[in-house]
Amino acid sequence: MAKKITISVDEEVLQRARVVAAIRRTSVSELVRGFLKGLAEDEQPVEKHEAR
């Protein structure tokens, strides 16, 4: 089940994200979801970071 989150960004960043989302025929939420998913997939498991 997806969890809702709240973030704060500068108005200019939000406006530009809306333009990008419109060009891609998606939503800002979907852009953020995809970014976070990619970030999580690229990141090493937490256990490896804690071992350092």
N, C-alpha and C. Protein backbone atom coordinates (compact mmCIF):
# COMPACT_ATOMS: atom_id res chain seq x y z
N MET A 1 0.84 -1.18 0.00
CA MET A 1 0.00 0.00 0.00
C MET A 1 0.89 1.25 0.00
N ALA A 2 0.56 2.18 -0.84
CA ALA A 2 1.35 3.41 -0.94
C ALA A 2 1.08 4.32 0.26
N LYS A 3 2.12 4.98 0.71
CA LYS A 3 2.01 5.94 1.81
C LYS A 3 2.06 7.35 1.25
N LYS A 4 1.29 8.24 1.81
CA LYS A 4 1.31 9.64 1.41
C LYS A 4 2.38 10.36 2.22
N ILE A 5 3.10 11.28 1.57
CA ILE A 5 4.09 12.09 2.25
C ILE A 5 3.84 13.55 1.90
N THR A 6 4.34 14.43 2.73
CA THR A 6 4.24 15.86 2.47
C THR A 6 5.65 16.41 2.39
N ILE A 7 5.93 17.19 1.35
CA ILE A 7 7.24 17.81 1.20
C ILE A 7 7.06 19.30 0.96
N SER A 8 8.09 20.05 1.19
CA SER A 8 8.10 21.48 0.91
C SER A 8 9.18 21.76 -0.12
N VAL A 9 8.81 22.49 -1.16
CA VAL A 9 9.76 22.89 -2.20
C VAL A 9 9.50 24.34 -2.56
N ASP A 10 10.50 24.99 -3.11
CA ASP A 10 10.32 26.36 -3.57
C ASP A 10 9.27 26.40 -4.67
N GLU A 11 8.54 27.50 -4.73
CA GLU A 11 7.48 27.67 -5.72
C GLU A 11 8.00 27.49 -7.15
N GLU A 12 9.19 28.03 -7.42
CA GLU A 12 9.77 27.92 -8.76
C GLU A 12 10.04 26.46 -9.11
N VAL A 13 10.53 25.70 -8.16
CA VAL A 13 10.81 24.27 -8.39
C VAL A 13 9.50 23.54 -8.70
N LEU A 14 8.46 23.84 -7.94
CA LEU A 14 7.17 23.20 -8.17
C LEU A 14 6.63 23.56 -9.54
N GLN A 15 6.71 24.80 -9.93
CA GLN A 15 6.22 25.22 -11.25
C GLN A 15 6.96 24.50 -12.37
N ARG A 16 8.27 24.40 -12.25
CA ARG A 16 9.05 23.70 -13.27
C ARG A 16 8.72 22.22 -13.30
N ALA A 17 8.51 21.62 -12.12
CA ALA A 17 8.13 20.21 -12.05
C ALA A 17 6.78 19.99 -12.71
N ARG A 18 5.85 20.92 -12.53
CA ARG A 18 4.54 20.80 -13.18
C ARG A 18 4.67 20.85 -14.69
N VAL A 19 5.55 21.69 -15.20
CA VAL A 19 5.78 21.77 -16.64
C VAL A 19 6.34 20.45 -17.15
N VAL A 20 7.34 19.92 -16.45
CA VAL A 20 7.94 18.64 -16.85
C VAL A 20 6.88 17.54 -16.82
N ALA A 21 6.07 17.52 -15.77
CA ALA A 21 5.02 16.51 -15.65
C ALA A 21 4.03 16.62 -16.81
N ALA A 22 3.65 17.84 -17.15
CA ALA A 22 2.71 18.04 -18.25
C ALA A 22 3.29 17.55 -19.57
N ILE A 23 4.56 17.88 -19.80
CA ILE A 23 5.23 17.44 -21.03
C ILE A 23 5.25 15.91 -21.10
N ARG A 24 5.49 15.28 -19.97
CA ARG A 24 5.56 13.81 -19.92
C ARG A 24 4.19 13.16 -19.74
N ARG A 25 3.15 13.97 -19.66
CA ARG A 25 1.78 13.48 -19.47
C ARG A 25 1.66 12.61 -18.22
N THR A 26 2.16 13.17 -17.12
CA THR A 26 2.10 12.49 -15.84
C THR A 26 1.85 13.54 -14.76
N SER A 27 2.01 13.17 -13.53
CA SER A 27 1.81 14.10 -12.41
C SER A 27 3.13 14.36 -11.70
N VAL A 28 3.15 15.42 -10.92
CA VAL A 28 4.33 15.70 -10.10
C VAL A 28 4.53 14.55 -9.11
N SER A 29 3.43 14.04 -8.57
CA SER A 29 3.53 12.91 -7.63
C SER A 29 4.20 11.70 -8.29
N GLU A 30 3.85 11.43 -9.53
CA GLU A 30 4.45 10.30 -10.24
C GLU A 30 5.94 10.55 -10.50
N LEU A 31 6.30 11.78 -10.81
CA LEU A 31 7.72 12.12 -10.98
C LEU A 31 8.49 11.87 -9.69
N VAL A 32 7.94 12.32 -8.58
CA VAL A 32 8.60 12.14 -7.28
C VAL A 32 8.67 10.66 -6.93
N ARG A 33 7.57 9.94 -7.16
CA ARG A 33 7.54 8.50 -6.88
C ARG A 33 8.63 7.77 -7.66
N GLY A 34 8.76 8.11 -8.94
CA GLY A 34 9.79 7.48 -9.76
C GLY A 34 11.19 7.83 -9.31
N PHE A 35 11.39 9.10 -8.92
CA PHE A 35 12.70 9.52 -8.43
C PHE A 35 13.07 8.75 -7.17
N LEU A 36 12.15 8.69 -6.21
CA LEU A 36 12.44 8.00 -4.96
C LEU A 36 12.65 6.51 -5.16
N LYS A 37 11.88 5.91 -6.05
CA LYS A 37 12.07 4.49 -6.34
C LYS A 37 13.45 4.24 -6.92
N GLY A 38 13.86 5.07 -7.87
CA GLY A 38 15.19 4.93 -8.46
C GLY A 38 16.28 5.14 -7.44
N LEU A 39 16.11 6.11 -6.57
CA LEU A 39 17.08 6.38 -5.52
C LEU A 39 17.21 5.18 -4.59
N ALA A 40 16.09 4.62 -4.19
CA ALA A 40 16.09 3.47 -3.29
C ALA A 40 16.72 2.25 -3.94
N GLU A 41 16.50 2.07 -5.24
CA GLU A 41 17.07 0.91 -5.94
C GLU A 41 18.57 1.05 -6.13
N ASP A 42 19.06 2.29 -6.30
CA ASP A 42 20.48 2.52 -6.53
C ASP A 42 21.29 2.48 -5.24
N GLU A 43 20.64 2.73 -4.13
CA GLU A 43 21.33 2.84 -2.85
C GLU A 43 21.70 1.46 -2.32
N GLN A 44 22.86 1.38 -1.65
CA GLN A 44 23.27 0.14 -1.03
C GLN A 44 22.35 -0.15 0.16
N PRO A 45 22.21 -1.41 0.51
CA PRO A 45 21.38 -1.74 1.68
C PRO A 45 21.87 -1.01 2.92
N VAL A 46 20.96 -0.68 3.80
CA VAL A 46 21.27 0.06 5.03
C VAL A 46 22.32 -0.65 5.85
N GLU A 47 22.26 -1.97 5.91
CA GLU A 47 23.20 -2.74 6.73
C GLU A 47 24.64 -2.46 6.33
N LYS A 48 24.91 -2.29 5.03
CA LYS A 48 26.28 -2.03 4.57
C LYS A 48 26.73 -0.64 5.01
N HIS A 49 25.83 0.34 5.05
CA HIS A 49 26.18 1.67 5.50
C HIS A 49 26.47 1.68 6.99
N GLU A 50 25.71 0.92 7.75
CA GLU A 50 25.89 0.89 9.20
C GLU A 50 27.19 0.19 9.60
N ALA A 51 27.71 -0.70 8.76
CA ALA A 51 28.91 -1.45 9.09
C ALA A 51 30.16 -0.56 9.01
N ARG A 52 30.07 0.57 8.34
CA ARG A 52 31.24 1.43 8.18
C ARG A 52 31.61 2.17 9.41
